[in-house]
Every structure is written in C-alpha cells, then in structure tokens.
Amino acid sequence: APALGVRQCMNSSEIIEKFESRDSHSIWEATWEILRCADKTELKKLMPYLKKFKEIINGLDLGGAIYSNKNSANLALSHIEQSVTNICHCSLFTQSPKFSPSKEAEWGHVSLKGSEIKKELYEEHYDVVCNYCGNQYFVREVHGWHVPWYEWKIA
C-alpha cells in the first residue's frame, strides 16, 4: 500500500492499453501516470513492454507546441528502466521543465519548505525536499511565457 498522501500508480495493464492504442492523447496520459509513479514494483511490470513502447513512440507524432511530448514519453521509458536501480524518483525533476513543485507535493513526492514570489521576474522560487531520499532542491517557476516551466537544482 502507498504511504499516506501518496497517490496509487495507474494499473500497468491500463498503461499498456493506452500505449497500444497509438492515440497521442492516451499515450500522453500514460506517460504522465508513469512519471508520477514512485512504486518500483508497479514500474517493473512494464519492463517487458519497453521495446514495444519505444517503437510506438518513434512511429508517432506526439505533438507538444512548446515542449515535445516525445521527450516526456522517452523520460517515462527511462523512468521504467531505472525502476530496477536505487535511483530516487526525484531524479526525474531535474530532467524536464514540466514538474511543478506544487503538483509533486500534492502527489506526496516532495514537501514544500517555503516559497517566494518574485513579481519583477515573473517567477516563484521554492525550497523543496524529496519525501523519499531527503534531497533538497531550489526550484524556479517561470511565468513569463505561454505556460509556466520549472527549473530544479539540488540545493
């Protein structure tokens, strides 16, 4: 059972179904379910499907006007591969500008220790701690573009 406050991962059979649909929206949904999952047991169930998932991703235009959805999908596949290692879930956060510290706190992956709005920069700065390994991060949320993006750095 997941720790209190930590969301249960999507069922692996649903992820497989979404990838096999070859529907870009379904694959996007499955991608983010994988990226939100810190349950290594559940992630390992997807290992036998990695080659097939890669072939599906490489054969499709997954869209993404500002940030390629294919990049997120490949990161999700890398996350599955890392499920057999001792690499912490938080290692994902520095690899994509799409991880919101507020959302990660809602999912139970991190704790927010403080934040400060920098109006003149159109930014919010966060002090964040990983709930699994204790790594501390400084996160910049930038609002100056069409959608916010995030820069995670080890504090």
N, C-alpha and C. Protein backbone atom coordinates (compact mmCIF):
# COMPACT_ATOMS: atom_id res chain seq x y z
N ALA A 1 0.84 -1.19 0.00
CA ALA A 1 0.00 0.00 0.00
C ALA A 1 0.88 1.24 0.00
N PRO A 2 0.47 2.28 -0.72
CA PRO A 2 1.27 3.51 -0.75
C PRO A 2 1.22 4.22 0.60
N ALA A 3 2.24 5.02 0.86
CA ALA A 3 2.26 5.81 2.09
C ALA A 3 1.10 6.78 2.09
N LEU A 4 0.66 7.17 3.27
CA LEU A 4 -0.43 8.13 3.40
C LEU A 4 -0.09 9.39 2.61
N GLY A 5 -1.02 9.83 1.77
CA GLY A 5 -0.80 11.03 0.99
C GLY A 5 -0.15 10.78 -0.36
N VAL A 6 0.33 9.55 -0.60
CA VAL A 6 0.96 9.23 -1.87
C VAL A 6 -0.07 8.52 -2.75
N ARG A 7 -0.28 9.05 -3.94
CA ARG A 7 -1.28 8.54 -4.86
C ARG A 7 -0.85 7.19 -5.43
N GLN A 8 -1.81 6.30 -5.53
CA GLN A 8 -1.58 4.99 -6.15
C GLN A 8 -1.26 5.18 -7.64
N CYS A 9 -0.33 4.40 -8.17
CA CYS A 9 0.00 4.45 -9.59
C CYS A 9 -1.13 3.86 -10.42
N MET A 10 -1.16 4.26 -11.69
CA MET A 10 -2.10 3.67 -12.63
C MET A 10 -1.78 2.18 -12.76
N ASN A 11 -2.78 1.39 -12.99
CA ASN A 11 -2.61 -0.03 -13.22
C ASN A 11 -1.76 -0.23 -14.48
N SER A 12 -0.78 -1.12 -14.42
CA SER A 12 0.13 -1.32 -15.55
C SER A 12 -0.61 -1.78 -16.80
N SER A 13 -1.67 -2.56 -16.65
CA SER A 13 -2.40 -3.02 -17.84
C SER A 13 -3.08 -1.83 -18.54
N GLU A 14 -3.50 -0.82 -17.79
CA GLU A 14 -4.08 0.39 -18.40
C GLU A 14 -3.02 1.17 -19.17
N ILE A 15 -1.80 1.22 -18.64
CA ILE A 15 -0.72 1.93 -19.33
C ILE A 15 -0.41 1.21 -20.65
N ILE A 16 -0.33 -0.10 -20.61
CA ILE A 16 -0.06 -0.89 -21.81
C ILE A 16 -1.15 -0.63 -22.85
N GLU A 17 -2.39 -0.65 -22.41
CA GLU A 17 -3.53 -0.42 -23.30
C GLU A 17 -3.45 0.96 -23.95
N LYS A 18 -3.08 1.97 -23.16
CA LYS A 18 -3.00 3.34 -23.69
C LYS A 18 -1.88 3.47 -24.72
N PHE A 19 -0.74 2.85 -24.48
CA PHE A 19 0.33 2.89 -25.48
C PHE A 19 -0.08 2.15 -26.74
N GLU A 20 -0.66 0.97 -26.58
CA GLU A 20 -1.04 0.16 -27.73
C GLU A 20 -2.14 0.80 -28.57
N SER A 21 -2.89 1.74 -28.00
CA SER A 21 -3.93 2.44 -28.75
C SER A 21 -3.33 3.31 -29.86
N ARG A 22 -2.06 3.68 -29.68
CA ARG A 22 -1.36 4.58 -30.60
C ARG A 22 -2.04 5.95 -30.73
N ASP A 23 -2.89 6.26 -29.78
CA ASP A 23 -3.55 7.56 -29.72
C ASP A 23 -2.66 8.51 -28.92
N SER A 24 -2.29 9.65 -29.52
CA SER A 24 -1.32 10.54 -28.88
C SER A 24 -1.80 11.04 -27.52
N HIS A 25 -3.09 11.33 -27.38
CA HIS A 25 -3.60 11.80 -26.09
C HIS A 25 -3.53 10.69 -25.03
N SER A 26 -3.88 9.48 -25.40
CA SER A 26 -3.81 8.35 -24.46
C SER A 26 -2.37 8.07 -24.04
N ILE A 27 -1.45 8.18 -24.99
CA ILE A 27 -0.03 7.96 -24.67
C ILE A 27 0.46 9.08 -23.74
N TRP A 28 0.01 10.32 -23.98
CA TRP A 28 0.37 11.42 -23.09
C TRP A 28 -0.12 11.14 -21.67
N GLU A 29 -1.36 10.66 -21.53
CA GLU A 29 -1.90 10.31 -20.21
C GLU A 29 -1.06 9.22 -19.55
N ALA A 30 -0.74 8.17 -20.31
CA ALA A 30 0.05 7.06 -19.77
C ALA A 30 1.45 7.54 -19.38
N THR A 31 2.02 8.40 -20.21
CA THR A 31 3.35 8.96 -19.93
C THR A 31 3.37 9.62 -18.56
N TRP A 32 2.38 10.45 -18.29
CA TRP A 32 2.38 11.18 -17.02
C TRP A 32 1.99 10.30 -15.84
N GLU A 33 1.24 9.26 -16.06
CA GLU A 33 0.99 8.29 -14.98
C GLU A 33 2.30 7.60 -14.61
N ILE A 34 3.11 7.26 -15.61
CA ILE A 34 4.41 6.64 -15.34
C ILE A 34 5.31 7.61 -14.60
N LEU A 35 5.36 8.86 -15.06
CA LEU A 35 6.24 9.85 -14.44
C LEU A 35 5.82 10.20 -13.02
N ARG A 36 4.56 10.04 -12.70
CA ARG A 36 4.08 10.31 -11.33
C ARG A 36 4.28 9.12 -10.40
N CYS A 37 4.60 7.97 -10.97
CA CYS A 37 4.68 6.74 -10.19
C CYS A 37 6.04 6.57 -9.54
N ALA A 38 6.04 6.39 -8.24
CA ALA A 38 7.27 6.12 -7.50
C ALA A 38 7.29 4.67 -7.01
N ASP A 39 6.29 3.89 -7.37
CA ASP A 39 6.19 2.49 -6.95
C ASP A 39 7.00 1.62 -7.91
N LYS A 40 8.22 1.24 -7.48
CA LYS A 40 9.12 0.49 -8.35
C LYS A 40 8.54 -0.87 -8.73
N THR A 41 7.77 -1.47 -7.86
CA THR A 41 7.15 -2.77 -8.17
C THR A 41 6.19 -2.63 -9.35
N GLU A 42 5.40 -1.57 -9.33
CA GLU A 42 4.45 -1.33 -10.43
C GLU A 42 5.18 -0.98 -11.72
N LEU A 43 6.22 -0.17 -11.62
CA LEU A 43 7.01 0.22 -12.79
C LEU A 43 7.69 -1.00 -13.44
N LYS A 44 8.20 -1.91 -12.61
CA LYS A 44 8.89 -3.09 -13.12
C LYS A 44 7.97 -3.98 -13.96
N LYS A 45 6.68 -3.92 -13.72
CA LYS A 45 5.73 -4.70 -14.51
C LYS A 45 5.72 -4.26 -15.98
N LEU A 46 6.21 -3.04 -16.24
CA LEU A 46 6.21 -2.50 -17.60
C LEU A 46 7.51 -2.81 -18.36
N MET A 47 8.51 -3.35 -17.67
CA MET A 47 9.81 -3.64 -18.30
C MET A 47 9.68 -4.48 -19.58
N PRO A 48 8.88 -5.55 -19.60
CA PRO A 48 8.80 -6.36 -20.81
C PRO A 48 8.22 -5.61 -22.03
N TYR A 49 7.62 -4.46 -21.81
CA TYR A 49 6.96 -3.71 -22.88
C TYR A 49 7.79 -2.54 -23.39
N LEU A 50 8.97 -2.32 -22.80
CA LEU A 50 9.77 -1.15 -23.16
C LEU A 50 10.09 -1.08 -24.65
N LYS A 51 10.54 -2.17 -25.23
CA LYS A 51 10.91 -2.16 -26.66
C LYS A 51 9.69 -1.79 -27.51
N LYS A 52 8.55 -2.39 -27.19
CA LYS A 52 7.32 -2.09 -27.95
C LYS A 52 6.91 -0.63 -27.77
N PHE A 53 6.98 -0.12 -26.53
CA PHE A 53 6.64 1.28 -26.27
C PHE A 53 7.54 2.21 -27.08
N LYS A 54 8.86 1.91 -27.12
CA LYS A 54 9.80 2.74 -27.87
C LYS A 54 9.44 2.76 -29.35
N GLU A 55 9.10 1.60 -29.89
CA GLU A 55 8.71 1.53 -31.30
C GLU A 55 7.46 2.36 -31.57
N ILE A 56 6.50 2.28 -30.67
CA ILE A 56 5.26 3.05 -30.83
C ILE A 56 5.57 4.55 -30.79
N ILE A 57 6.35 4.99 -29.81
CA ILE A 57 6.69 6.41 -29.66
C ILE A 57 7.44 6.91 -30.89
N ASN A 58 8.40 6.13 -31.37
CA ASN A 58 9.20 6.56 -32.51
C ASN A 58 8.39 6.63 -33.80
N GLY A 59 7.26 5.92 -33.86
CA GLY A 59 6.44 5.91 -35.05
C GLY A 59 5.32 6.94 -35.07
N LEU A 60 5.25 7.77 -34.03
CA LEU A 60 4.14 8.71 -33.93
C LEU A 60 4.61 10.15 -33.74
N ASP A 61 3.78 11.09 -34.16
CA ASP A 61 3.97 12.50 -33.82
C ASP A 61 3.10 12.73 -32.58
N LEU A 62 3.75 12.92 -31.44
CA LEU A 62 3.01 13.07 -30.18
C LEU A 62 2.69 14.53 -29.86
N GLY A 63 3.12 15.45 -30.72
CA GLY A 63 2.77 16.85 -30.51
C GLY A 63 3.58 17.51 -29.41
N GLY A 64 3.05 18.64 -28.97
CA GLY A 64 3.70 19.44 -27.94
C GLY A 64 4.29 20.68 -28.56
N ALA A 65 3.58 21.77 -28.51
CA ALA A 65 3.99 23.00 -29.18
C ALA A 65 5.22 23.64 -28.54
N ILE A 66 5.29 23.66 -27.23
CA ILE A 66 6.39 24.34 -26.54
C ILE A 66 7.45 23.35 -26.09
N TYR A 67 7.03 22.20 -25.63
CA TYR A 67 7.94 21.14 -25.17
C TYR A 67 7.44 19.83 -25.77
N SER A 68 8.29 19.12 -26.43
CA SER A 68 7.91 17.90 -27.14
C SER A 68 7.35 16.83 -26.20
N ASN A 69 6.15 16.35 -26.52
CA ASN A 69 5.58 15.25 -25.74
C ASN A 69 6.40 13.98 -25.90
N LYS A 70 7.13 13.87 -27.01
CA LYS A 70 8.00 12.71 -27.21
C LYS A 70 9.13 12.71 -26.18
N ASN A 71 9.64 13.91 -25.83
CA ASN A 71 10.66 14.00 -24.78
C ASN A 71 10.12 13.46 -23.45
N SER A 72 8.90 13.84 -23.12
CA SER A 72 8.29 13.36 -21.87
C SER A 72 8.09 11.85 -21.93
N ALA A 73 7.64 11.33 -23.07
CA ALA A 73 7.42 9.89 -23.21
C ALA A 73 8.74 9.13 -23.06
N ASN A 74 9.80 9.63 -23.68
CA ASN A 74 11.11 8.98 -23.54
C ASN A 74 11.62 9.04 -22.11
N LEU A 75 11.35 10.14 -21.40
CA LEU A 75 11.72 10.23 -20.00
C LEU A 75 10.96 9.19 -19.18
N ALA A 76 9.68 8.99 -19.51
CA ALA A 76 8.89 7.97 -18.81
C ALA A 76 9.48 6.58 -19.03
N LEU A 77 9.92 6.29 -20.24
CA LEU A 77 10.52 4.99 -20.51
C LEU A 77 11.84 4.83 -19.76
N SER A 78 12.60 5.90 -19.67
CA SER A 78 13.83 5.89 -18.88
C SER A 78 13.52 5.64 -17.40
N HIS A 79 12.42 6.22 -16.92
CA HIS A 79 11.99 6.02 -15.53
C HIS A 79 11.66 4.55 -15.28
N ILE A 80 11.03 3.90 -16.24
CA ILE A 80 10.76 2.47 -16.12
C ILE A 80 12.08 1.70 -16.04
N GLU A 81 13.02 2.03 -16.92
CA GLU A 81 14.33 1.35 -16.91
C GLU A 81 15.04 1.53 -15.58
N GLN A 82 14.90 2.71 -14.98
CA GLN A 82 15.57 2.99 -13.71
C GLN A 82 14.87 2.35 -12.52
N SER A 83 13.69 1.77 -12.75
CA SER A 83 12.95 1.16 -11.63
C SER A 83 13.69 -0.03 -11.04
N VAL A 84 14.67 -0.57 -11.75
CA VAL A 84 15.44 -1.70 -11.24
C VAL A 84 16.69 -1.22 -10.50
N THR A 85 16.88 0.08 -10.40
CA THR A 85 18.04 0.65 -9.71
C THR A 85 17.59 1.30 -8.40
N ASN A 86 18.55 1.84 -7.70
CA ASN A 86 18.23 2.56 -6.46
C ASN A 86 18.12 4.06 -6.68
N ILE A 87 17.99 4.48 -7.94
CA ILE A 87 17.86 5.92 -8.24
C ILE A 87 16.50 6.39 -7.73
N CYS A 88 16.50 7.49 -7.01
CA CYS A 88 15.27 8.02 -6.41
C CYS A 88 14.37 8.66 -7.48
N HIS A 89 13.09 8.62 -7.21
CA HIS A 89 12.08 9.24 -8.07
C HIS A 89 12.40 10.71 -8.34
N CYS A 90 12.96 11.40 -7.37
CA CYS A 90 13.22 12.84 -7.51
C CYS A 90 14.25 13.14 -8.59
N SER A 91 15.01 12.15 -9.02
CA SER A 91 15.99 12.40 -10.08
C SER A 91 15.31 12.84 -11.38
N LEU A 92 14.04 12.53 -11.54
CA LEU A 92 13.29 12.95 -12.73
C LEU A 92 13.16 14.47 -12.83
N PHE A 93 13.04 15.13 -11.68
CA PHE A 93 12.66 16.54 -11.66
C PHE A 93 13.65 17.45 -12.36
N THR A 94 14.93 17.10 -12.33
CA THR A 94 15.94 17.94 -12.98
C THR A 94 16.02 17.68 -14.48
N GLN A 95 15.28 16.69 -14.98
CA GLN A 95 15.38 16.27 -16.37
C GLN A 95 14.28 16.83 -17.28
N SER A 96 13.35 17.58 -16.73
CA SER A 96 12.26 18.12 -17.53
C SER A 96 11.75 19.42 -16.89
N PRO A 97 11.37 20.39 -17.72
CA PRO A 97 10.84 21.65 -17.19
C PRO A 97 9.36 21.57 -16.82
N LYS A 98 8.79 20.36 -16.81
CA LYS A 98 7.35 20.22 -16.65
C LYS A 98 6.91 19.79 -15.24
N PHE A 99 7.84 19.56 -14.32
CA PHE A 99 7.48 19.09 -12.99
C PHE A 99 7.21 20.26 -12.04
N SER A 100 5.95 20.47 -11.73
CA SER A 100 5.54 21.53 -10.81
C SER A 100 5.78 21.09 -9.37
N PRO A 101 6.49 21.89 -8.57
CA PRO A 101 6.70 21.51 -7.17
C PRO A 101 5.38 21.40 -6.41
N SER A 102 4.42 22.25 -6.73
CA SER A 102 3.11 22.20 -6.06
C SER A 102 2.40 20.88 -6.36
N LYS A 103 2.43 20.47 -7.64
CA LYS A 103 1.79 19.21 -8.02
C LYS A 103 2.52 18.02 -7.40
N GLU A 104 3.85 18.07 -7.40
CA GLU A 104 4.62 16.97 -6.81
C GLU A 104 4.34 16.86 -5.30
N ALA A 105 4.09 18.00 -4.65
CA ALA A 105 3.71 17.98 -3.23
C ALA A 105 2.33 17.36 -3.07
N GLU A 106 1.40 17.70 -3.97
CA GLU A 106 0.05 17.10 -3.92
C GLU A 106 0.12 15.59 -4.08
N TRP A 107 1.03 15.12 -4.95
CA TRP A 107 1.17 13.68 -5.20
C TRP A 107 1.88 12.99 -4.03
N GLY A 108 2.49 13.77 -3.13
CA GLY A 108 3.17 13.18 -1.96
C GLY A 108 4.64 12.89 -2.18
N HIS A 109 5.20 13.33 -3.32
CA HIS A 109 6.60 13.05 -3.62
C HIS A 109 7.56 13.99 -2.90
N VAL A 110 7.15 15.22 -2.69
CA VAL A 110 8.01 16.23 -2.06
C VAL A 110 7.23 17.00 -1.02
N SER A 111 7.98 17.73 -0.20
CA SER A 111 7.40 18.68 0.74
C SER A 111 7.92 20.07 0.40
N LEU A 112 7.03 21.03 0.40
CA LEU A 112 7.41 22.42 0.15
C LEU A 112 7.80 23.04 1.48
N LYS A 113 9.04 23.56 1.56
CA LYS A 113 9.54 24.15 2.80
C LYS A 113 9.42 25.67 2.80
N GLY A 114 9.12 26.23 1.64
CA GLY A 114 8.97 27.68 1.54
C GLY A 114 8.88 28.10 0.09
N SER A 115 8.31 29.28 -0.12
CA SER A 115 8.26 29.82 -1.48
C SER A 115 8.25 31.34 -1.40
N GLU A 116 8.70 31.96 -2.48
CA GLU A 116 8.75 33.41 -2.55
C GLU A 116 8.41 33.84 -3.97
N ILE A 117 7.47 34.74 -4.10
CA ILE A 117 7.10 35.27 -5.42
C ILE A 117 8.03 36.43 -5.76
N LYS A 118 8.60 36.38 -6.96
CA LYS A 118 9.47 37.43 -7.48
C LYS A 118 8.73 38.10 -8.63
N LYS A 119 7.85 39.07 -8.29
CA LYS A 119 6.99 39.71 -9.29
C LYS A 119 7.75 40.31 -10.45
N GLU A 120 8.86 40.97 -10.14
CA GLU A 120 9.62 41.64 -11.20
C GLU A 120 10.22 40.66 -12.20
N LEU A 121 10.40 39.41 -11.80
CA LEU A 121 10.95 38.38 -12.68
C LEU A 121 9.87 37.46 -13.27
N TYR A 122 8.63 37.64 -12.83
CA TYR A 122 7.54 36.72 -13.20
C TYR A 122 7.89 35.29 -12.79
N GLU A 123 8.42 35.15 -11.59
CA GLU A 123 8.86 33.85 -11.10
C GLU A 123 8.37 33.61 -9.68
N GLU A 124 8.31 32.34 -9.33
CA GLU A 124 8.15 31.94 -7.93
C GLU A 124 9.29 30.98 -7.63
N HIS A 125 9.92 31.15 -6.48
CA HIS A 125 11.03 30.30 -6.06
C HIS A 125 10.57 29.43 -4.91
N TYR A 126 10.96 28.15 -4.94
CA TYR A 126 10.55 27.18 -3.93
C TYR A 126 11.76 26.51 -3.30
N ASP A 127 11.64 26.20 -2.02
CA ASP A 127 12.56 25.29 -1.32
C ASP A 127 11.79 24.00 -1.13
N VAL A 128 12.34 22.90 -1.65
CA VAL A 128 11.63 21.63 -1.73
C VAL A 128 12.51 20.52 -1.18
N VAL A 129 11.88 19.54 -0.51
CA VAL A 129 12.59 18.36 0.00
C VAL A 129 11.90 17.11 -0.52
N CYS A 130 12.69 16.17 -1.05
CA CYS A 130 12.15 14.90 -1.51
C CYS A 130 11.70 14.08 -0.30
N ASN A 131 10.47 13.57 -0.36
CA ASN A 131 9.94 12.77 0.75
C ASN A 131 10.52 11.36 0.80
N TYR A 132 11.25 10.93 -0.23
CA TYR A 132 11.81 9.58 -0.25
C TYR A 132 13.26 9.53 0.20
N CYS A 133 14.09 10.43 -0.35
CA CYS A 133 15.53 10.36 -0.06
C CYS A 133 16.05 11.56 0.73
N GLY A 134 15.24 12.62 0.85
CA GLY A 134 15.66 13.80 1.60
C GLY A 134 16.45 14.83 0.80
N ASN A 135 16.68 14.58 -0.50
CA ASN A 135 17.36 15.59 -1.32
C ASN A 135 16.62 16.91 -1.22
N GLN A 136 17.39 18.00 -1.15
CA GLN A 136 16.81 19.33 -1.09
C GLN A 136 17.03 20.02 -2.43
N TYR A 137 15.98 20.72 -2.89
CA TYR A 137 16.02 21.38 -4.18
C TYR A 137 15.62 22.84 -4.06
N PHE A 138 16.21 23.65 -4.96
CA PHE A 138 15.76 25.01 -5.21
C PHE A 138 15.06 24.93 -6.56
N VAL A 139 13.83 25.42 -6.63
CA VAL A 139 13.05 25.35 -7.87
C VAL A 139 12.60 26.74 -8.27
N ARG A 140 12.83 27.06 -9.54
CA ARG A 140 12.35 28.30 -10.14
C ARG A 140 11.15 27.98 -11.00
N GLU A 141 10.02 28.61 -10.72
CA GLU A 141 8.84 28.52 -11.58
C GLU A 141 8.77 29.82 -12.36
N VAL A 142 8.86 29.72 -13.68
CA VAL A 142 8.90 30.90 -14.54
C VAL A 142 7.55 31.06 -15.22
N HIS A 143 6.95 32.24 -15.06
CA HIS A 143 5.62 32.52 -15.62
C HIS A 143 5.66 33.43 -16.84
N GLY A 144 6.82 33.80 -17.30
CA GLY A 144 6.93 34.80 -18.36
C GLY A 144 6.57 34.33 -19.75
N TRP A 145 6.21 33.08 -19.92
CA TRP A 145 5.88 32.53 -21.23
C TRP A 145 4.44 32.06 -21.27
N HIS A 146 4.09 31.35 -22.31
CA HIS A 146 2.71 30.88 -22.51
C HIS A 146 2.24 29.99 -21.35
N VAL A 147 3.10 29.09 -20.93
CA VAL A 147 2.79 28.21 -19.79
C VAL A 147 3.97 28.24 -18.84
N PRO A 148 3.73 28.02 -17.55
CA PRO A 148 4.86 28.02 -16.61
C PRO A 148 5.80 26.84 -16.90
N TRP A 149 7.08 27.03 -16.59
CA TRP A 149 8.03 25.95 -16.65
C TRP A 149 8.89 26.02 -15.40
N TYR A 150 9.60 24.93 -15.12
CA TYR A 150 10.26 24.78 -13.83
C TYR A 150 11.71 24.36 -14.02
N GLU A 151 12.58 24.95 -13.21
CA GLU A 151 13.99 24.60 -13.20
C GLU A 151 14.33 24.09 -11.81
N TRP A 152 14.68 22.81 -11.71
CA TRP A 152 15.03 22.17 -10.45
C TRP A 152 16.54 22.05 -10.34
N LYS A 153 17.07 22.48 -9.19
CA LYS A 153 18.51 22.34 -8.92
C LYS A 153 18.68 21.81 -7.50
N ILE A 154 19.66 20.92 -7.34
CA ILE A 154 19.98 20.44 -5.99
C ILE A 154 20.43 21.65 -5.18
N ALA A 155 19.87 21.79 -3.99
CA ALA A 155 20.19 22.94 -3.13
C ALA A 155 21.51 22.71 -2.41
